[in-house]
All heavy atoms as atom14 arrays in JSON, in Angstrom:
{
  "sequence": "MRKPATGQFHYGPEREGYEAQWTRAAYDLLTDILAGLPIHWRFFAKTE",
  "atom14_mask": [
    [1, 1, 1, 1, 1, 1, 1, 1, 0, 0, 0, 0, 0, 0],
    [1, 1, 1, 1, 1, 1, 1, 1, 1, 1, 1, 0, 0, 0],
    [1, 1, 1, 1, 1, 1, 1, 1, 1, 0, 0, 0, 0, 0],
    [1, 1, 1, 1, 1, 1, 1, 0, 0, 0, 0, 0, 0, 0],
    [1, 1, 1, 1, 1, 0, 0, 0, 0, 0, 0, 0, 0, 0],
    [1, 1, 1, 1, 1, 1, 1, 0, 0, 0, 0, 0, 0, 0],
    [1, 1, 1, 1, 0, 0, 0, 0, 0, 0, 0, 0, 0, 0],
    [1, 1, 1, 1, 1, 1, 1, 1, 1, 0, 0, 0, 0, 0],
    [1, 1, 1, 1, 1, 1, 1, 1, 1, 1, 1, 0, 0, 0],
    [1, 1, 1, 1, 1, 1, 1, 1, 1, 1, 0, 0, 0, 0],
    [1, 1, 1, 1, 1, 1, 1, 1, 1, 1, 1, 1, 0, 0],
    [1, 1, 1, 1, 0, 0, 0, 0, 0, 0, 0, 0, 0, 0],
    [1, 1, 1, 1, 1, 1, 1, 0, 0, 0, 0, 0, 0, 0],
    [1, 1, 1, 1, 1, 1, 1, 1, 1, 0, 0, 0, 0, 0],
    [1, 1, 1, 1, 1, 1, 1, 1, 1, 1, 1, 0, 0, 0],
    [1, 1, 1, 1, 1, 1, 1, 1, 1, 0, 0, 0, 0, 0],
    [1, 1, 1, 1, 0, 0, 0, 0, 0, 0, 0, 0, 0, 0],
    [1, 1, 1, 1, 1, 1, 1, 1, 1, 1, 1, 1, 0, 0],
    [1, 1, 1, 1, 1, 1, 1, 1, 1, 0, 0, 0, 0, 0],
    [1, 1, 1, 1, 1, 0, 0, 0, 0, 0, 0, 0, 0, 0],
    [1, 1, 1, 1, 1, 1, 1, 1, 1, 0, 0, 0, 0, 0],
    [1, 1, 1, 1, 1, 1, 1, 1, 1, 1, 1, 1, 1, 1],
    [1, 1, 1, 1, 1, 1, 1, 0, 0, 0, 0, 0, 0, 0],
    [1, 1, 1, 1, 1, 1, 1, 1, 1, 1, 1, 0, 0, 0],
    [1, 1, 1, 1, 1, 0, 0, 0, 0, 0, 0, 0, 0, 0],
    [1, 1, 1, 1, 1, 0, 0, 0, 0, 0, 0, 0, 0, 0],
    [1, 1, 1, 1, 1, 1, 1, 1, 1, 1, 1, 1, 0, 0],
    [1, 1, 1, 1, 1, 1, 1, 1, 0, 0, 0, 0, 0, 0],
    [1, 1, 1, 1, 1, 1, 1, 1, 0, 0, 0, 0, 0, 0],
    [1, 1, 1, 1, 1, 1, 1, 1, 0, 0, 0, 0, 0, 0],
    [1, 1, 1, 1, 1, 1, 1, 0, 0, 0, 0, 0, 0, 0],
    [1, 1, 1, 1, 1, 1, 1, 1, 0, 0, 0, 0, 0, 0],
    [1, 1, 1, 1, 1, 1, 1, 1, 0, 0, 0, 0, 0, 0],
    [1, 1, 1, 1, 1, 1, 1, 1, 0, 0, 0, 0, 0, 0],
    [1, 1, 1, 1, 1, 0, 0, 0, 0, 0, 0, 0, 0, 0],
    [1, 1, 1, 1, 0, 0, 0, 0, 0, 0, 0, 0, 0, 0],
    [1, 1, 1, 1, 1, 1, 1, 1, 0, 0, 0, 0, 0, 0],
    [1, 1, 1, 1, 1, 1, 1, 0, 0, 0, 0, 0, 0, 0],
    [1, 1, 1, 1, 1, 1, 1, 1, 0, 0, 0, 0, 0, 0],
    [1, 1, 1, 1, 1, 1, 1, 1, 1, 1, 0, 0, 0, 0],
    [1, 1, 1, 1, 1, 1, 1, 1, 1, 1, 1, 1, 1, 1],
    [1, 1, 1, 1, 1, 1, 1, 1, 1, 1, 1, 0, 0, 0],
    [1, 1, 1, 1, 1, 1, 1, 1, 1, 1, 1, 0, 0, 0],
    [1, 1, 1, 1, 1, 1, 1, 1, 1, 1, 1, 0, 0, 0],
    [1, 1, 1, 1, 1, 0, 0, 0, 0, 0, 0, 0, 0, 0],
    [1, 1, 1, 1, 1, 1, 1, 1, 1, 0, 0, 0, 0, 0],
    [1, 1, 1, 1, 1, 1, 1, 0, 0, 0, 0, 0, 0, 0],
    [1, 1, 1, 1, 1, 1, 1, 1, 1, 0, 0, 0, 0, 0]
  ],
  "atom14_positions": [
    [[118.92, 100.11, 85.05], [118.03, 100.01, 86.21], [118.48, 98.98, 87.24], [118.03, 99.02, 88.38], [116.6, 99.65, 85.75], [115.92, 100.75, 84.94], [114.32, 100.21, 84.26], [113.37, 99.94, 85.76], [0.0, 0.0, 0.0], [0.0, 0.0, 0.0], [0.0, 0.0, 0.0], [0.0, 0.0, 0.0], [0.0, 0.0, 0.0], [0.0, 0.0, 0.0]],
    [[119.33, 98.04, 86.87], [119.67, 96.96, 87.79], [120.41, 97.48, 89.02], [121.29, 98.33, 88.93], [120.53, 95.91, 87.09], [119.78, 95.15, 86.01], [120.56, 93.95, 85.51], [119.95, 93.4, 84.31], [118.88, 92.62, 84.29], [118.3, 92.29, 85.45], [118.38, 92.16, 83.16], [0.0, 0.0, 0.0], [0.0, 0.0, 0.0], [0.0, 0.0, 0.0]],
    [[120.01, 96.96, 90.17], [120.66, 97.33, 91.43], [120.56, 96.15, 92.4], [119.71, 95.27, 92.22], [120.01, 98.57, 92.04], [118.52, 98.44, 92.32], [117.94, 99.72, 92.9], [117.99, 100.85, 91.91], [117.3, 102.07, 92.39], [0.0, 0.0, 0.0], [0.0, 0.0, 0.0], [0.0, 0.0, 0.0], [0.0, 0.0, 0.0], [0.0, 0.0, 0.0]],
    [[121.41, 96.09, 93.4], [121.38, 94.95, 94.33], [120.03, 94.83, 95.04], [119.38, 95.84, 95.34], [122.51, 95.28, 95.33], [123.39, 96.23, 94.6], [122.49, 97.03, 93.71], [0.0, 0.0, 0.0], [0.0, 0.0, 0.0], [0.0, 0.0, 0.0], [0.0, 0.0, 0.0], [0.0, 0.0, 0.0], [0.0, 0.0, 0.0], [0.0, 0.0, 0.0]],
    [[119.62, 93.6, 95.29], [118.37, 93.36, 96.0], [118.51, 93.8, 97.45], [119.57, 93.7, 98.06], [118.01, 91.88, 95.93], [0.0, 0.0, 0.0], [0.0, 0.0, 0.0], [0.0, 0.0, 0.0], [0.0, 0.0, 0.0], [0.0, 0.0, 0.0], [0.0, 0.0, 0.0], [0.0, 0.0, 0.0], [0.0, 0.0, 0.0], [0.0, 0.0, 0.0]],
    [[117.41, 94.3, 98.01], [117.39, 94.74, 99.41], [116.17, 94.15, 100.11], [115.06, 94.61, 99.92], [117.34, 96.28, 99.51], [116.2, 96.75, 98.77], [118.6, 96.91, 98.93], [0.0, 0.0, 0.0], [0.0, 0.0, 0.0], [0.0, 0.0, 0.0], [0.0, 0.0, 0.0], [0.0, 0.0, 0.0], [0.0, 0.0, 0.0], [0.0, 0.0, 0.0]],
    [[116.38, 93.13, 100.92], [115.31, 92.57, 101.74], [114.37, 91.66, 100.97], [114.3, 91.68, 99.74], [0.0, 0.0, 0.0], [0.0, 0.0, 0.0], [0.0, 0.0, 0.0], [0.0, 0.0, 0.0], [0.0, 0.0, 0.0], [0.0, 0.0, 0.0], [0.0, 0.0, 0.0], [0.0, 0.0, 0.0], [0.0, 0.0, 0.0], [0.0, 0.0, 0.0]],
    [[113.62, 90.86, 101.73], [112.67, 89.94, 101.12], [111.39, 90.63, 100.68], [110.75, 90.2, 99.72], [112.31, 88.83, 102.12], [113.38, 87.76, 102.3], [112.89, 86.64, 103.18], [112.44, 86.85, 104.3], [112.96, 85.42, 102.68], [0.0, 0.0, 0.0], [0.0, 0.0, 0.0], [0.0, 0.0, 0.0], [0.0, 0.0, 0.0], [0.0, 0.0, 0.0]],
    [[110.98, 91.68, 101.37], [109.68, 92.29, 101.15], [109.81, 93.72, 100.66], [110.73, 94.45, 101.05], [108.86, 92.29, 102.45], [108.58, 90.91, 103.0], [109.4, 90.38, 103.99], [107.53, 90.16, 102.53], [109.16, 89.11, 104.5], [107.28, 88.89, 103.03], [108.1, 88.37, 104.01], [0.0, 0.0, 0.0], [0.0, 0.0, 0.0], [0.0, 0.0, 0.0]],
    [[108.87, 94.13, 99.82], [108.75, 95.52, 99.41], [107.37, 96.0, 99.82], [106.35, 95.43, 99.41], [108.94, 95.69, 97.9], [108.76, 97.1, 97.44], [107.66, 97.51, 96.72], [109.55, 98.19, 97.61], [107.78, 98.81, 96.45], [108.91, 99.24, 96.99], [0.0, 0.0, 0.0], [0.0, 0.0, 0.0], [0.0, 0.0, 0.0], [0.0, 0.0, 0.0]],
    [[107.34, 97.06, 100.63], [106.07, 97.52, 101.2], [105.53, 98.78, 100.53], [104.36, 99.12, 100.72], [106.24, 97.8, 102.7], [106.68, 96.61, 103.49], [107.97, 96.55, 104.04], [105.83, 95.54, 103.72], [108.38, 95.46, 104.79], [106.24, 94.44, 104.46], [107.51, 94.41, 105.0], [107.92, 93.32, 105.73], [0.0, 0.0, 0.0], [0.0, 0.0, 0.0]],
    [[106.36, 99.5, 99.81], [105.93, 100.74, 99.19], [106.33, 101.94, 100.02], [106.63, 101.84, 101.22], [0.0, 0.0, 0.0], [0.0, 0.0, 0.0], [0.0, 0.0, 0.0], [0.0, 0.0, 0.0], [0.0, 0.0, 0.0], [0.0, 0.0, 0.0], [0.0, 0.0, 0.0], [0.0, 0.0, 0.0], [0.0, 0.0, 0.0], [0.0, 0.0, 0.0]],
    [[106.34, 103.12, 99.4], [106.85, 104.32, 100.07], [106.0, 104.75, 101.26], [106.53, 105.36, 102.21], [106.84, 105.37, 98.97], [105.83, 104.88, 97.97], [105.93, 103.38, 98.01], [0.0, 0.0, 0.0], [0.0, 0.0, 0.0], [0.0, 0.0, 0.0], [0.0, 0.0, 0.0], [0.0, 0.0, 0.0], [0.0, 0.0, 0.0], [0.0, 0.0, 0.0]],
    [[104.7, 104.46, 101.23], [103.84, 104.91, 102.32], [104.23, 104.24, 103.64], [104.4, 104.91, 104.67], [102.37, 104.62, 101.99], [101.85, 105.34, 100.75], [102.18, 104.62, 99.45], [102.79, 103.51, 99.49], [101.81, 105.14, 98.38], [0.0, 0.0, 0.0], [0.0, 0.0, 0.0], [0.0, 0.0, 0.0], [0.0, 0.0, 0.0], [0.0, 0.0, 0.0]],
    [[104.38, 102.93, 103.61], [104.76, 102.23, 104.84], [106.18, 102.56, 105.24], [106.47, 102.71, 106.45], [104.58, 100.72, 104.66], [105.07, 99.93, 105.86], [104.6, 98.5, 105.85], [105.3, 97.71, 106.86], [105.02, 96.45, 107.17], [104.05, 95.82, 106.53], [105.72, 95.8, 108.09], [0.0, 0.0, 0.0], [0.0, 0.0, 0.0], [0.0, 0.0, 0.0]],
    [[107.07, 102.68, 104.27], [108.46, 103.02, 104.61], [108.52, 104.37, 105.32], [109.26, 104.54, 106.29], [109.3, 103.02, 103.34], [109.49, 101.62, 102.75], [110.08, 101.65, 101.35], [110.37, 102.76, 100.86], [110.23, 100.57, 100.74], [0.0, 0.0, 0.0], [0.0, 0.0, 0.0], [0.0, 0.0, 0.0], [0.0, 0.0, 0.0], [0.0, 0.0, 0.0]],
    [[107.75, 105.34, 104.83], [107.71, 106.64, 105.49], [107.1, 106.56, 106.88], [107.59, 107.19, 107.83], [0.0, 0.0, 0.0], [0.0, 0.0, 0.0], [0.0, 0.0, 0.0], [0.0, 0.0, 0.0], [0.0, 0.0, 0.0], [0.0, 0.0, 0.0], [0.0, 0.0, 0.0], [0.0, 0.0, 0.0], [0.0, 0.0, 0.0], [0.0, 0.0, 0.0]],
    [[106.04, 105.79, 107.01], [105.38, 105.65, 108.3], [106.31, 105.0, 109.32], [106.41, 105.46, 110.47], [104.11, 104.81, 108.12], [103.39, 104.48, 109.4], [102.63, 105.44, 110.06], [103.47, 103.21, 109.96], [101.97, 105.14, 111.24], [102.82, 102.9, 111.13], [102.06, 103.87, 111.77], [101.41, 103.57, 112.94], [0.0, 0.0, 0.0], [0.0, 0.0, 0.0]],
    [[107.02, 103.97, 108.92], [107.87, 103.26, 109.87], [109.19, 103.97, 110.14], [109.93, 103.56, 111.03], [108.12, 101.83, 109.37], [106.86, 100.96, 109.46], [107.11, 99.5, 109.14], [108.06, 99.21, 108.38], [106.35, 98.65, 109.65], [0.0, 0.0, 0.0], [0.0, 0.0, 0.0], [0.0, 0.0, 0.0], [0.0, 0.0, 0.0], [0.0, 0.0, 0.0]],
    [[109.48, 105.04, 109.39], [110.61, 105.87, 109.77], [110.32, 106.58, 111.09], [111.23, 106.82, 111.89], [110.9, 106.9, 108.67], [0.0, 0.0, 0.0], [0.0, 0.0, 0.0], [0.0, 0.0, 0.0], [0.0, 0.0, 0.0], [0.0, 0.0, 0.0], [0.0, 0.0, 0.0], [0.0, 0.0, 0.0], [0.0, 0.0, 0.0], [0.0, 0.0, 0.0]],
    [[109.05, 106.89, 111.33], [108.65, 107.48, 112.6], [108.27, 106.39, 113.61], [108.8, 106.34, 114.71], [107.45, 108.41, 112.41], [106.95, 109.02, 113.72], [105.67, 109.82, 113.55], [104.82, 109.48, 112.72], [105.51, 110.88, 114.33], [0.0, 0.0, 0.0], [0.0, 0.0, 0.0], [0.0, 0.0, 0.0], [0.0, 0.0, 0.0], [0.0, 0.0, 0.0]],
    [[107.37, 105.5, 113.16], [106.91, 104.43, 114.02], [107.76, 103.19, 113.77], [107.33, 102.24, 113.11], [105.43, 104.15, 113.78], [104.55, 105.16, 114.46], [103.96, 106.24, 113.9], [104.19, 105.14, 115.84], [103.25, 106.92, 114.85], [103.37, 106.28, 116.06], [104.48, 104.31, 116.91], [102.83, 106.58, 117.31], [103.95, 104.61, 118.17], [103.13, 105.73, 118.35]],
    [[108.96, 103.22, 114.3], [109.86, 102.08, 114.14], [109.3, 100.87, 114.88], [108.37, 100.99, 115.7], [111.24, 102.41, 114.71], [111.11, 102.65, 116.12], [111.83, 103.65, 114.04], [0.0, 0.0, 0.0], [0.0, 0.0, 0.0], [0.0, 0.0, 0.0], [0.0, 0.0, 0.0], [0.0, 0.0, 0.0], [0.0, 0.0, 0.0], [0.0, 0.0, 0.0]],
    [[109.85, 99.7, 114.58], [109.39, 98.49, 115.26], [109.54, 98.64, 116.78], [108.65, 98.26, 117.55], [110.18, 97.28, 114.75], [109.68, 95.93, 115.2], [108.36, 95.56, 114.54], [108.45, 95.47, 113.1], [108.74, 94.37, 112.42], [109.01, 93.24, 113.07], [108.76, 94.36, 111.1], [0.0, 0.0, 0.0], [0.0, 0.0, 0.0], [0.0, 0.0, 0.0]],
    [[110.66, 99.2, 117.22], [110.88, 99.37, 118.65], [109.88, 100.36, 119.25], [109.41, 100.18, 120.38], [112.31, 99.85, 118.91], [0.0, 0.0, 0.0], [0.0, 0.0, 0.0], [0.0, 0.0, 0.0], [0.0, 0.0, 0.0], [0.0, 0.0, 0.0], [0.0, 0.0, 0.0], [0.0, 0.0, 0.0], [0.0, 0.0, 0.0], [0.0, 0.0, 0.0]],
    [[109.55, 101.41, 118.49], [108.59, 102.41, 118.99], [107.22, 101.78, 119.18], [106.55, 101.99, 120.2], [108.52, 103.59, 118.03], [0.0, 0.0, 0.0], [0.0, 0.0, 0.0], [0.0, 0.0, 0.0], [0.0, 0.0, 0.0], [0.0, 0.0, 0.0], [0.0, 0.0, 0.0], [0.0, 0.0, 0.0], [0.0, 0.0, 0.0], [0.0, 0.0, 0.0]],
    [[106.8, 101.0, 118.18], [105.45, 100.43, 118.29], [105.41, 99.33, 119.35], [104.4, 99.16, 120.05], [104.98, 99.89, 116.94], [103.51, 100.13, 116.7], [103.07, 101.01, 115.72], [102.54, 99.49, 117.47], [101.72, 101.24, 115.51], [101.19, 99.7, 117.27], [100.79, 100.57, 116.29], [99.45, 100.8, 116.1], [0.0, 0.0, 0.0], [0.0, 0.0, 0.0]],
    [[106.5, 98.59, 119.5], [106.54, 97.58, 120.56], [106.41, 98.24, 121.93], [105.73, 97.72, 122.83], [107.84, 96.78, 120.49], [107.84, 95.77, 119.35], [106.76, 95.51, 118.78], [108.93, 95.27, 119.02], [0.0, 0.0, 0.0], [0.0, 0.0, 0.0], [0.0, 0.0, 0.0], [0.0, 0.0, 0.0], [0.0, 0.0, 0.0], [0.0, 0.0, 0.0]],
    [[107.07, 99.38, 122.12], [106.93, 100.11, 123.37], [105.49, 100.58, 123.56], [104.92, 100.47, 124.66], [107.88, 101.3, 123.42], [107.73, 102.22, 124.64], [107.93, 101.44, 125.93], [108.72, 103.39, 124.55], [0.0, 0.0, 0.0], [0.0, 0.0, 0.0], [0.0, 0.0, 0.0], [0.0, 0.0, 0.0], [0.0, 0.0, 0.0], [0.0, 0.0, 0.0]],
    [[104.88, 101.1, 122.5], [103.49, 101.54, 122.59], [102.59, 100.4, 123.06], [101.76, 100.58, 123.97], [103.02, 102.05, 121.23], [101.52, 102.38, 121.14], [101.18, 103.59, 121.98], [101.11, 102.6, 119.69], [0.0, 0.0, 0.0], [0.0, 0.0, 0.0], [0.0, 0.0, 0.0], [0.0, 0.0, 0.0], [0.0, 0.0, 0.0], [0.0, 0.0, 0.0]],
    [[102.73, 99.23, 122.46], [101.85, 98.12, 122.84], [102.13, 97.65, 124.26], [101.22, 97.23, 124.97], [101.98, 96.95, 121.86], [103.34, 96.56, 121.73], [101.46, 97.34, 120.49], [0.0, 0.0, 0.0], [0.0, 0.0, 0.0], [0.0, 0.0, 0.0], [0.0, 0.0, 0.0], [0.0, 0.0, 0.0], [0.0, 0.0, 0.0], [0.0, 0.0, 0.0]],
    [[103.37, 97.74, 124.7], [103.68, 97.41, 126.1], [103.0, 98.38, 127.05], [102.44, 97.98, 128.08], [105.19, 97.44, 126.33], [105.91, 96.24, 125.74], [105.22, 95.26, 125.39], [107.15, 96.3, 125.61], [0.0, 0.0, 0.0], [0.0, 0.0, 0.0], [0.0, 0.0, 0.0], [0.0, 0.0, 0.0], [0.0, 0.0, 0.0], [0.0, 0.0, 0.0]],
    [[103.05, 99.66, 126.71], [102.39, 100.67, 127.53], [100.89, 100.4, 127.62], [100.29, 100.38, 128.7], [102.63, 102.08, 126.96], [104.1, 102.48, 127.13], [101.71, 103.11, 127.63], [104.47, 103.77, 126.39], [0.0, 0.0, 0.0], [0.0, 0.0, 0.0], [0.0, 0.0, 0.0], [0.0, 0.0, 0.0], [0.0, 0.0, 0.0], [0.0, 0.0, 0.0]],
    [[100.29, 100.16, 126.47], [98.84, 99.98, 126.42], [98.42, 98.71, 127.13], [97.39, 98.68, 127.82], [98.36, 99.96, 124.97], [98.66, 101.24, 124.16], [98.19, 101.07, 122.72], [98.0, 102.46, 124.8], [0.0, 0.0, 0.0], [0.0, 0.0, 0.0], [0.0, 0.0, 0.0], [0.0, 0.0, 0.0], [0.0, 0.0, 0.0], [0.0, 0.0, 0.0]],
    [[99.21, 97.65, 127.0], [98.87, 96.4, 127.66], [98.89, 96.53, 129.17], [98.22, 95.76, 129.88], [99.83, 95.29, 127.21], [0.0, 0.0, 0.0], [0.0, 0.0, 0.0], [0.0, 0.0, 0.0], [0.0, 0.0, 0.0], [0.0, 0.0, 0.0], [0.0, 0.0, 0.0], [0.0, 0.0, 0.0], [0.0, 0.0, 0.0], [0.0, 0.0, 0.0]],
    [[99.63, 97.49, 129.69], [99.71, 97.71, 131.13], [98.57, 98.52, 131.69], [98.47, 98.68, 132.91], [0.0, 0.0, 0.0], [0.0, 0.0, 0.0], [0.0, 0.0, 0.0], [0.0, 0.0, 0.0], [0.0, 0.0, 0.0], [0.0, 0.0, 0.0], [0.0, 0.0, 0.0], [0.0, 0.0, 0.0], [0.0, 0.0, 0.0], [0.0, 0.0, 0.0]],
    [[97.69, 99.03, 130.82], [96.54, 99.82, 131.25], [95.29, 98.96, 131.3], [95.2, 97.93, 130.61], [96.31, 100.98, 130.29], [97.37, 102.09, 130.26], [97.11, 103.03, 129.09], [97.39, 102.86, 131.58], [0.0, 0.0, 0.0], [0.0, 0.0, 0.0], [0.0, 0.0, 0.0], [0.0, 0.0, 0.0], [0.0, 0.0, 0.0], [0.0, 0.0, 0.0]],
    [[94.29, 99.33, 132.09], [93.0, 98.64, 132.02], [92.45, 98.69, 130.59], [92.69, 99.65, 129.85], [92.12, 99.44, 132.99], [93.08, 100.1, 133.93], [94.3, 100.41, 133.1], [0.0, 0.0, 0.0], [0.0, 0.0, 0.0], [0.0, 0.0, 0.0], [0.0, 0.0, 0.0], [0.0, 0.0, 0.0], [0.0, 0.0, 0.0], [0.0, 0.0, 0.0]],
    [[91.7, 97.67, 130.22], [91.24, 97.54, 128.84], [90.5, 98.77, 128.36], [90.71, 99.24, 127.24], [90.35, 96.28, 128.7], [91.2, 95.01, 128.87], [89.64, 96.26, 127.36], [90.4, 93.73, 128.94], [0.0, 0.0, 0.0], [0.0, 0.0, 0.0], [0.0, 0.0, 0.0], [0.0, 0.0, 0.0], [0.0, 0.0, 0.0], [0.0, 0.0, 0.0]],
    [[89.64, 99.35, 129.2], [88.82, 100.47, 128.74], [89.62, 101.76, 128.56], [89.1, 102.73, 128.0], [87.65, 100.71, 129.7], [88.05, 101.13, 131.08], [88.55, 100.25, 132.01], [88.03, 102.34, 131.69], [88.82, 100.89, 133.13], [88.51, 102.17, 132.97], [0.0, 0.0, 0.0], [0.0, 0.0, 0.0], [0.0, 0.0, 0.0], [0.0, 0.0, 0.0]],
    [[90.9, 101.79, 128.96], [91.75, 102.95, 128.76], [92.63, 102.83, 127.51], [93.21, 103.82, 127.05], [92.66, 103.15, 129.98], [92.03, 103.94, 131.09], [91.34, 103.45, 132.15], [92.04, 105.37, 131.23], [90.91, 104.48, 132.96], [91.33, 105.67, 132.41], [92.57, 106.41, 130.49], [91.14, 106.97, 132.86], [92.39, 107.71, 130.94], [91.69, 107.99, 132.1]],
    [[92.78, 101.65, 126.97], [93.86, 101.4, 126.01], [93.67, 102.14, 124.69], [94.61, 102.78, 124.19], [93.99, 99.89, 125.75], [94.47, 99.14, 126.97], [94.48, 97.63, 126.74], [94.8, 96.91, 127.97], [94.75, 95.6, 128.09], [94.39, 94.84, 127.05], [95.05, 95.02, 129.24], [0.0, 0.0, 0.0], [0.0, 0.0, 0.0], [0.0, 0.0, 0.0]],
    [[92.5, 102.04, 124.08], [92.31, 102.7, 122.79], [92.39, 104.22, 122.95], [92.97, 104.91, 122.1], [90.97, 102.3, 122.19], [90.73, 102.89, 120.83], [91.51, 102.53, 119.75], [89.73, 103.83, 120.63], [91.29, 103.09, 118.49], [89.5, 104.39, 119.39], [90.29, 104.02, 118.31], [0.0, 0.0, 0.0], [0.0, 0.0, 0.0], [0.0, 0.0, 0.0]],
    [[91.84, 104.73, 124.03], [91.94, 106.16, 124.31], [93.41, 106.58, 124.41], [93.84, 107.58, 123.81], [91.21, 106.5, 125.6], [91.41, 107.91, 126.08], [90.67, 108.96, 125.56], [92.36, 108.19, 127.05], [90.87, 110.26, 126.0], [92.57, 109.49, 127.49], [91.82, 110.52, 126.96], [0.0, 0.0, 0.0], [0.0, 0.0, 0.0], [0.0, 0.0, 0.0]],
    [[94.2, 105.82, 125.17], [95.61, 106.18, 125.35], [96.36, 106.09, 124.03], [97.21, 106.96, 123.73], [96.25, 105.26, 126.39], [0.0, 0.0, 0.0], [0.0, 0.0, 0.0], [0.0, 0.0, 0.0], [0.0, 0.0, 0.0], [0.0, 0.0, 0.0], [0.0, 0.0, 0.0], [0.0, 0.0, 0.0], [0.0, 0.0, 0.0], [0.0, 0.0, 0.0]],
    [[96.08, 105.08, 123.22], [96.74, 104.98, 121.92], [96.46, 106.22, 121.08], [97.38, 106.81, 120.49], [96.26, 103.73, 121.17], [96.85, 103.64, 119.76], [96.15, 102.65, 118.87], [96.66, 102.79, 117.43], [95.95, 101.93, 116.48], [0.0, 0.0, 0.0], [0.0, 0.0, 0.0], [0.0, 0.0, 0.0], [0.0, 0.0, 0.0], [0.0, 0.0, 0.0]],
    [[95.19, 106.63, 121.02], [94.81, 107.79, 120.21], [95.51, 109.05, 120.69], [96.0, 109.85, 119.89], [93.28, 107.97, 120.25], [92.65, 106.77, 119.78], [92.85, 109.13, 119.39], [0.0, 0.0, 0.0], [0.0, 0.0, 0.0], [0.0, 0.0, 0.0], [0.0, 0.0, 0.0], [0.0, 0.0, 0.0], [0.0, 0.0, 0.0], [0.0, 0.0, 0.0]],
    [[95.59, 109.22, 122.0], [96.23, 110.41, 122.55], [97.74, 110.41, 122.31], [98.34, 111.45, 122.05], [95.92, 110.53, 124.05], [94.46, 110.82, 124.36], [94.01, 112.17, 123.8], [94.82, 113.12, 123.8], [92.85, 112.27, 123.37], [0.0, 0.0, 0.0], [0.0, 0.0, 0.0], [0.0, 0.0, 0.0], [0.0, 0.0, 0.0], [0.0, 0.0, 0.0]]
  ]
}
């Protein structure tokens, strides 16, 4: 079973699968987009 260590943190398969789509760069762009909208539009835009 022994294999080389990979990274400091282990998040589990669910998060790993989620972040394959929602990469750090993707989510950073999303938050930049939302921050540029009026507050009352942001959650709606995120959901859409």
